[in-house]
């Protein structure tokens, strides 16, 4: 696990961080890790709308119902 040292942190900010950690029953180091994870660790959720048009070149000219019927007949 990596180590992070923060220098020149204002005393007032450190006191706020200590208070926040104490309220959440965490160490200051744990609280900093949680704050950093919330700030940079999460990815934006993907939208299903980004899939629009995906594969349209592959399926161009194929009639969906006919393709499904062909596949179903192949199962027998």
PDB file of N, CA and C in Angstrom:
ATOM      1  N   UNK A   1       0.848  -1.166   0.000  1.00  0.00           N
ATOM      2  CA  UNK A   1       0.000   0.000   0.000  1.00  0.00           C
ATOM      3  C   UNK A   1       0.897   1.234   0.000  1.00  0.00           C
ATOM      4  N   UNK A   2       0.533   2.235  -0.735  1.00  0.00           N
ATOM      5  CA  UNK A   2       1.331   3.457  -0.869  1.00  0.00           C
ATOM      6  C   UNK A   2       1.191   4.353   0.362  1.00  0.00           C
ATOM      7  N   UNK A   3       2.172   5.221   0.515  1.00  0.00           N
ATOM      8  CA  UNK A   3       2.163   6.206   1.593  1.00  0.00           C
ATOM      9  C   UNK A   3       2.093   7.590   0.977  1.00  0.00           C
ATOM     10  N   UNK A   4       1.285   8.453   1.568  1.00  0.00           N
ATOM     11  CA  UNK A   4       1.132   9.823   1.088  1.00  0.00           C
ATOM     12  C   UNK A   4       1.437  10.769   2.234  1.00  0.00           C
ATOM     13  N   UNK A   5       2.364  11.675   2.027  1.00  0.00           N
ATOM     14  CA  UNK A   5       2.678  12.704   3.019  1.00  0.00           C
ATOM     15  C   UNK A   5       2.181  14.038   2.495  1.00  0.00           C
ATOM     16  N   UNK A   6       1.513  14.786   3.349  1.00  0.00           N
ATOM     17  CA  UNK A   6       1.001  16.103   2.971  1.00  0.00           C
ATOM     18  C   UNK A   6       1.738  17.132   3.816  1.00  0.00           C
ATOM     19  N   UNK A   7       2.402  18.057   3.165  1.00  0.00           N
ATOM     20  CA  UNK A   7       3.156  19.080   3.884  1.00  0.00           C
ATOM     21  C   UNK A   7       2.441  20.420   3.785  1.00  0.00           C
ATOM     22  N   UNK A   8       2.703  21.270   4.756  1.00  0.00           N
ATOM     23  CA  UNK A   8       2.175  22.635   4.792  1.00  0.00           C
ATOM     24  C   UNK A   8       0.653  22.683   4.811  1.00  0.00           C
ATOM     25  N   UNK A   9       0.048  21.720   5.480  1.00  0.00           N
ATOM     26  CA  UNK A   9      -1.407  21.714   5.639  1.00  0.00           C
ATOM     27  C   UNK A   9      -1.758  22.731   6.722  1.00  0.00           C
ATOM     28  N   UNK A  10      -2.624  23.681   6.437  1.00  0.00           N
ATOM     29  CA  UNK A  10      -2.990  24.677   7.451  1.00  0.00           C
ATOM     30  C   UNK A  10      -3.560  24.008   8.700  1.00  0.00           C
ATOM     31  N   UNK A  11      -3.196  24.535   9.854  1.00  0.00           N
ATOM     32  CA  UNK A  11      -3.635  23.963  11.133  1.00  0.00           C
ATOM     33  C   UNK A  11      -5.157  23.895  11.230  1.00  0.00           C
ATOM     34  N   UNK A  12      -5.834  24.923  10.776  1.00  0.00           N
ATOM     35  CA  UNK A  12      -7.296  24.946  10.854  1.00  0.00           C
ATOM     36  C   UNK A  12      -7.901  23.814  10.021  1.00  0.00           C
ATOM     37  N   UNK A  13      -7.348  23.576   8.864  1.00  0.00           N
ATOM     38  CA  UNK A  13      -7.843  22.508   8.008  1.00  0.00           C
ATOM     39  C   UNK A  13      -7.591  21.148   8.651  1.00  0.00           C
ATOM     40  N   UNK A  14      -6.431  20.982   9.255  1.00  0.00           N
ATOM     41  CA  UNK A  14      -6.118  19.727   9.924  1.00  0.00           C
ATOM     42  C   UNK A  14      -7.072  19.475  11.097  1.00  0.00           C
ATOM     43  N   UNK A  15      -7.384  20.509  11.835  1.00  0.00           N
ATOM     44  CA  UNK A  15      -8.323  20.363  12.956  1.00  0.00           C
ATOM     45  C   UNK A  15      -9.707  19.940  12.447  1.00  0.00           C
ATOM     46  N   UNK A  16     -10.142  20.521  11.334  1.00  0.00           N
ATOM     47  CA  UNK A  16     -11.427  20.125  10.743  1.00  0.00           C
ATOM     48  C   UNK A  16     -11.390  18.664  10.320  1.00  0.00           C
ATOM     49  N   UNK A  17     -10.273  18.259   9.747  1.00  0.00           N
ATOM     50  CA  UNK A  17     -10.106  16.877   9.316  1.00  0.00           C
ATOM     51  C   UNK A  17     -10.123  15.930  10.519  1.00  0.00           C
ATOM     52  N   UNK A  18      -9.451  16.315  11.593  1.00  0.00           N
ATOM     53  CA  UNK A  18      -9.469  15.513  12.814  1.00  0.00           C
ATOM     54  C   UNK A  18     -10.892  15.378  13.359  1.00  0.00           C
ATOM     55  N   UNK A  19     -11.615  16.477  13.373  1.00  0.00           N
ATOM     56  CA  UNK A  19     -12.993  16.467  13.880  1.00  0.00           C
ATOM     57  C   UNK A  19     -13.863  15.553  13.027  1.00  0.00           C
ATOM     58  N   UNK A  20     -13.736  15.682  11.718  1.00  0.00           N
ATOM     59  CA  UNK A  20     -14.524  14.849  10.808  1.00  0.00           C
ATOM     60  C   UNK A  20     -14.201  13.371  11.011  1.00  0.00           C
ATOM     61  N   UNK A  21     -12.931  13.048  11.149  1.00  0.00           N
ATOM     62  CA  UNK A  21     -12.522  11.661  11.369  1.00  0.00           C
ATOM     63  C   UNK A  21     -13.073  11.137  12.693  1.00  0.00           C
ATOM     64  N   UNK A  22     -12.968  11.928  13.728  1.00  0.00           N
ATOM     65  CA  UNK A  22     -13.465  11.538  15.047  1.00  0.00           C
ATOM     66  C   UNK A  22     -14.971  11.265  15.000  1.00  0.00           C
ATOM     67  N   UNK A  23     -15.724  12.127  14.305  1.00  0.00           N
ATOM     68  CA  UNK A  23     -17.179  11.949  14.192  1.00  0.00           C
ATOM     69  C   UNK A  23     -17.544  10.649  13.480  1.00  0.00           C
ATOM     70  N   UNK A  24     -16.677  10.206  12.602  1.00  0.00           N
ATOM     71  CA  UNK A  24     -16.942   8.990  11.827  1.00  0.00           C
ATOM     72  C   UNK A  24     -16.191   7.782  12.389  1.00  0.00           C
ATOM     73  N   UNK A  25     -15.572   7.979  13.549  1.00  0.00           N
ATOM     74  CA  UNK A  25     -14.823   6.926  14.217  1.00  0.00           C
ATOM     75  C   UNK A  25     -13.729   6.342  13.322  1.00  0.00           C
ATOM     76  N   UNK A  26     -12.992   7.234  12.698  1.00  0.00           N
ATOM     77  CA  UNK A  26     -11.878   6.838  11.837  1.00  0.00           C
ATOM     78  C   UNK A  26     -10.622   7.571  12.285  1.00  0.00           C
ATOM     79  N   UNK A  27      -9.491   7.047  11.841  1.00  0.00           N
ATOM     80  CA  UNK A  27      -8.250   7.789  12.028  1.00  0.00           C
ATOM     81  C   UNK A  27      -8.205   8.893  10.970  1.00  0.00           C
ATOM     82  N   UNK A  28      -7.320   9.841  11.166  1.00  0.00           N
ATOM     83  CA  UNK A  28      -7.167  10.905  10.173  1.00  0.00           C
ATOM     84  C   UNK A  28      -6.754  10.299   8.829  1.00  0.00           C
ATOM     85  N   UNK A  29      -5.840   9.335   8.864  1.00  0.00           N
ATOM     86  CA  UNK A  29      -5.387   8.693   7.618  1.00  0.00           C
ATOM     87  C   UNK A  29      -6.547   7.986   6.910  1.00  0.00           C
ATOM     88  N   UNK A  30      -7.395   7.290   7.663  1.00  0.00           N
ATOM     89  CA  UNK A  30      -8.553   6.621   7.056  1.00  0.00           C
ATOM     90  C   UNK A  30      -9.516   7.634   6.459  1.00  0.00           C
ATOM     91  N   UNK A  31      -9.710   8.734   7.168  1.00  0.00           N
ATOM     92  CA  UNK A  31     -10.632   9.754   6.673  1.00  0.00           C
ATOM     93  C   UNK A  31     -10.115  10.373   5.386  1.00  0.00           C
ATOM     94  N   UNK A  32      -8.818  10.643   5.335  1.00  0.00           N
ATOM     95  CA  UNK A  32      -8.219  11.199   4.113  1.00  0.00           C
ATOM     96  C   UNK A  32      -8.400  10.219   2.955  1.00  0.00           C
ATOM     97  N   UNK A  33      -8.190   8.931   3.210  1.00  0.00           N
ATOM     98  CA  UNK A  33      -8.362   7.930   2.157  1.00  0.00           C
ATOM     99  C   UNK A  33      -9.804   7.903   1.653  1.00  0.00           C
ATOM    100  N   UNK A  34     -10.771   8.012   2.556  1.00  0.00           N
ATOM    101  CA  UNK A  34     -12.190   8.025   2.155  1.00  0.00           C
ATOM    102  C   UNK A  34     -12.494   9.262   1.316  1.00  0.00           C
ATOM    103  N   UNK A  35     -11.991  10.405   1.751  1.00  0.00           N
ATOM    104  CA  UNK A  35     -12.227  11.651   1.016  1.00  0.00           C
ATOM    105  C   UNK A  35     -11.621  11.567  -0.384  1.00  0.00           C
ATOM    106  N   UNK A  36     -10.402  11.054  -0.474  1.00  0.00           N
ATOM    107  CA  UNK A  36      -9.762  10.923  -1.793  1.00  0.00           C
ATOM    108  C   UNK A  36     -10.511   9.938  -2.683  1.00  0.00           C
ATOM    109  N   UNK A  37     -10.969   8.841  -2.114  1.00  0.00           N
ATOM    110  CA  UNK A  37     -11.733   7.866  -2.899  1.00  0.00           C
ATOM    111  C   UNK A  37     -13.009   8.501  -3.452  1.00  0.00           C
ATOM    112  N   UNK A  38     -13.692   9.267  -2.617  1.00  0.00           N
ATOM    113  CA  UNK A  38     -14.915   9.935  -3.065  1.00  0.00           C
ATOM    114  C   UNK A  38     -14.617  10.951  -4.158  1.00  0.00           C
ATOM    115  N   UNK A  39     -13.482  11.607  -4.065  1.00  0.00           N
ATOM    116  CA  UNK A  39     -13.154  12.670  -5.014  1.00  0.00           C
ATOM    117  C   UNK A  39     -12.656  12.142  -6.357  1.00  0.00           C
ATOM    118  N   UNK A  40     -11.820  11.111  -6.330  1.00  0.00           N
ATOM    119  CA  UNK A  40     -11.190  10.695  -7.590  1.00  0.00           C
ATOM    120  C   UNK A  40     -11.355   9.220  -7.905  1.00  0.00           C
ATOM    121  N   UNK A  41     -11.865   8.444  -6.987  1.00  0.00           N
ATOM    122  CA  UNK A  41     -11.921   7.010  -7.189  1.00  0.00           C
ATOM    123  C   UNK A  41     -13.099   6.508  -7.981  1.00  0.00           C
ATOM    124  N   UNK A  42     -14.159   7.246  -8.001  1.00  0.00           N
ATOM    125  CA  UNK A  42     -15.373   6.785  -8.678  1.00  0.00           C
ATOM    126  C   UNK A  42     -15.365   7.178 -10.147  1.00  0.00           C
ATOM    127  N   UNK A  43     -15.846   6.261 -10.950  1.00  0.00           N
ATOM    128  CA  UNK A  43     -16.044   6.570 -12.358  1.00  0.00           C
ATOM    129  C   UNK A  43     -17.489   6.993 -12.547  1.00  0.00           C
ATOM    130  N   UNK A  44     -17.687   7.820 -13.535  1.00  0.00           N
ATOM    131  CA  UNK A  44     -19.064   8.190 -13.872  1.00  0.00           C
ATOM    132  C   UNK A  44     -19.780   6.945 -14.375  1.00  0.00           C
ATOM    133  N   UNK A  45     -21.015   6.736 -13.954  1.00  0.00           N
ATOM    134  CA  UNK A  45     -21.738   5.560 -14.444  1.00  0.00           C
ATOM    135  C   UNK A  45     -21.950   5.652 -15.951  1.00  0.00           C
ATOM    136  N   UNK A  46     -21.845   4.519 -16.584  1.00  0.00           N
ATOM    137  CA  UNK A  46     -22.057   4.473 -18.025  1.00  0.00           C
ATOM    138  C   UNK A  46     -23.550   4.560 -18.319  1.00  0.00           C
ATOM    139  N   UNK A  47     -23.864   5.193 -19.421  1.00  0.00           N
ATOM    140  CA  UNK A  47     -25.257   5.337 -19.832  1.00  0.00           C
ATOM    141  C   UNK A  47     -25.564   4.332 -20.933  1.00  0.00           C
ATOM    142  N   UNK A  48     -26.723   3.734 -20.861  1.00  0.00           N
ATOM    143  CA  UNK A  48     -27.139   2.813 -21.914  1.00  0.00           C
ATOM    144  C   UNK A  48     -27.279   3.541 -23.254  1.00  0.00           C
ATOM    145  N   UNK A  49     -27.473   4.851 -23.185  1.00  0.00           N
ATOM    146  CA  UNK A  49     -27.602   5.631 -24.411  1.00  0.00           C
ATOM    147  C   UNK A  49     -26.317   5.611 -25.234  1.00  0.00           C
ATOM    148  N   UNK A  50     -25.178   5.334 -24.582  1.00  0.00           N
ATOM    149  CA  UNK A  50     -23.914   5.254 -25.312  1.00  0.00           C
ATOM    150  C   UNK A  50     -23.868   4.044 -26.238  1.00  0.00           C
ATOM    151  N   UNK A  51     -24.787   3.105 -26.062  1.00  0.00           N
ATOM    152  CA  UNK A  51     -24.833   1.910 -26.904  1.00  0.00           C
ATOM    153  C   UNK A  51     -25.613   2.134 -28.198  1.00  0.00           C
ATOM    154  N   UNK A  52     -26.291   3.266 -28.282  1.00  0.00           N
ATOM    155  CA  UNK A  52     -27.106   3.537 -29.460  1.00  0.00           C
ATOM    156  C   UNK A  52     -26.254   3.416 -30.731  1.00  0.00           C
ATOM    157  N   UNK A  53     -26.725   2.591 -31.656  1.00  0.00           N
ATOM    158  CA  UNK A  53     -26.058   2.428 -32.940  1.00  0.00           C
ATOM    159  C   UNK A  53     -24.958   1.388 -32.941  1.00  0.00           C
ATOM    160  N   UNK A  54     -24.628   0.831 -31.782  1.00  0.00           N
ATOM    161  CA  UNK A  54     -23.562  -0.155 -31.696  1.00  0.00           C
ATOM    162  C   UNK A  54     -23.957  -1.401 -32.489  1.00  0.00           C
ATOM    163  N   UNK A  55     -23.139  -1.804 -33.416  1.00  0.00           N
ATOM    164  CA  UNK A  55     -23.385  -3.000 -34.211  1.00  0.00           C
ATOM    165  C   UNK A  55     -24.296  -2.794 -35.411  1.00  0.00           C
ATOM    166  N   UNK A  56     -24.682  -1.560 -35.682  1.00  0.00           N
ATOM    167  CA  UNK A  56     -25.631  -1.353 -36.778  1.00  0.00           C
ATOM    168  C   UNK A  56     -25.039  -1.757 -38.126  1.00  0.00           C
ATOM    169  N   UNK A  57     -23.726  -1.642 -38.282  1.00  0.00           N
ATOM    170  CA  UNK A  57     -23.101  -2.068 -39.544  1.00  0.00           C
ATOM    171  C   UNK A  57     -23.201  -3.581 -39.721  1.00  0.00           C
ATOM    172  N   UNK A  58     -23.080  -4.308 -38.633  1.00  0.00           N
ATOM    173  CA  UNK A  58     -23.145  -5.764 -38.694  1.00  0.00           C
ATOM    174  C   UNK A  58     -24.544  -6.233 -39.066  1.00  0.00           C
ATOM    175  N   UNK A  59     -25.557  -5.532 -38.554  1.00  0.00           N
ATOM    176  CA  UNK A  59     -26.934  -5.965 -38.760  1.00  0.00           C
ATOM    177  C   UNK A  59     -27.628  -5.268 -39.919  1.00  0.00           C
ATOM    178  N   UNK A  60     -26.915  -4.438 -40.647  1.00  0.00           N
ATOM    179  CA  UNK A  60     -27.525  -3.735 -41.781  1.00  0.00           C
ATOM    180  C   UNK A  60     -28.040  -4.754 -42.805  1.00  0.00           C
ATOM    181  N   UNK A  61     -29.288  -4.626 -43.201  1.00  0.00           N
ATOM    182  CA  UNK A  61     -29.888  -5.510 -44.205  1.00  0.00           C
ATOM    183  C   UNK A  61     -30.437  -6.805 -43.627  1.00  0.00           C
ATOM    184  N   UNK A  62     -30.330  -7.003 -42.335  1.00  0.00           N
ATOM    185  CA  UNK A  62     -30.843  -8.230 -41.722  1.00  0.00           C
ATOM    186  C   UNK A  62     -32.184  -7.910 -41.074  1.00  0.00           C
ATOM    187  N   UNK A  63     -33.178  -8.709 -41.395  1.00  0.00           N
ATOM    188  CA  UNK A  63     -34.498  -8.524 -40.793  1.00  0.00           C
ATOM    189  C   UNK A  63     -34.517  -9.321 -39.489  1.00  0.00           C
ATOM    190  N   UNK A  64     -34.771  -8.641 -38.383  1.00  0.00           N
ATOM    191  CA  UNK A  64     -34.641  -9.233 -37.058  1.00  0.00           C
ATOM    192  C   UNK A  64     -35.463 -10.483 -36.832  1.00  0.00           C
ATOM    193  N   UNK A  65     -36.753 -10.423 -37.133  1.00  0.00           N
ATOM    194  CA  UNK A  65     -37.634 -11.570 -36.887  1.00  0.00           C
ATOM    195  C   UNK A  65     -37.204 -12.779 -37.704  1.00  0.00           C
ATOM    196  N   UNK A  66     -36.830 -12.565 -38.948  1.00  0.00           N
ATOM    197  CA  UNK A  66     -36.388 -13.675 -39.803  1.00  0.00           C
ATOM    198  C   UNK A  66     -35.104 -14.295 -39.247  1.00  0.00           C
ATOM    199  N   UNK A  67     -34.211 -13.474 -38.761  1.00  0.00           N
ATOM    200  CA  UNK A  67     -32.958 -13.979 -38.195  1.00  0.00           C
ATOM    201  C   UNK A  67     -33.241 -14.830 -36.954  1.00  0.00           C
ATOM    202  N   UNK A  68     -34.129 -14.357 -36.090  1.00  0.00           N
ATOM    203  CA  UNK A  68     -34.481 -15.112 -34.883  1.00  0.00           C
ATOM    204  C   UNK A  68     -35.121 -16.441 -35.272  1.00  0.00           C
ATOM    205  N   UNK A  69     -36.021 -16.427 -36.227  1.00  0.00           N
ATOM    206  CA  UNK A  69     -36.666 -17.674 -36.674  1.00  0.00           C
ATOM    207  C   UNK A  69     -35.627 -18.663 -37.195  1.00  0.00           C
ATOM    208  N   UNK A  70     -34.661 -18.188 -37.955  1.00  0.00           N
ATOM    209  CA  UNK A  70     -33.604 -19.047 -38.496  1.00  0.00           C
ATOM    210  C   UNK A  70     -32.787 -19.658 -37.364  1.00  0.00           C
ATOM    211  N   UNK A  71     -32.438 -18.829 -36.385  1.00  0.00           N
ATOM    212  CA  UNK A  71     -31.655 -19.330 -35.251  1.00  0.00           C
ATOM    213  C   UNK A  71     -32.441 -20.372 -34.456  1.00  0.00           C
ATOM    214  N   UNK A  72     -33.719 -20.126 -34.242  1.00  0.00           N
ATOM    215  CA  UNK A  72     -34.552 -21.068 -33.476  1.00  0.00           C
ATOM    216  C   UNK A  72     -34.660 -22.403 -34.201  1.00  0.00           C
ATOM    217  N   UNK A  73     -34.820 -22.368 -35.505  1.00  0.00           N
ATOM    218  CA  UNK A  73     -34.901 -23.621 -36.286  1.00  0.00           C
ATOM    219  C   UNK A  73     -33.597 -24.401 -36.187  1.00  0.00           C
ATOM    220  N   UNK A  74     -32.482 -23.699 -36.052  1.00  0.00           N
ATOM    221  CA  UNK A  74     -31.177 -24.354 -35.962  1.00  0.00           C
ATOM    222  C   UNK A  74     -30.992 -25.109 -34.637  1.00  0.00           C
ATOM    223  N   UNK A  75     -31.776 -24.793 -33.653  1.00  0.00           N
ATOM    224  CA  UNK A  75     -31.654 -25.460 -32.357  1.00  0.00           C
ATOM    225  C   UNK A  75     -32.155 -26.899 -32.406  1.00  0.00           C
ATOM    226  N   UNK A  76     -33.071 -27.179 -33.311  1.00  0.00           N
ATOM    227  CA  UNK A  76     -33.672 -28.524 -33.363  1.00  0.00           C
ATOM    228  C   UNK A  76     -32.778 -29.523 -34.000  1.00  0.00           C
TER     229      UNK A  76
END
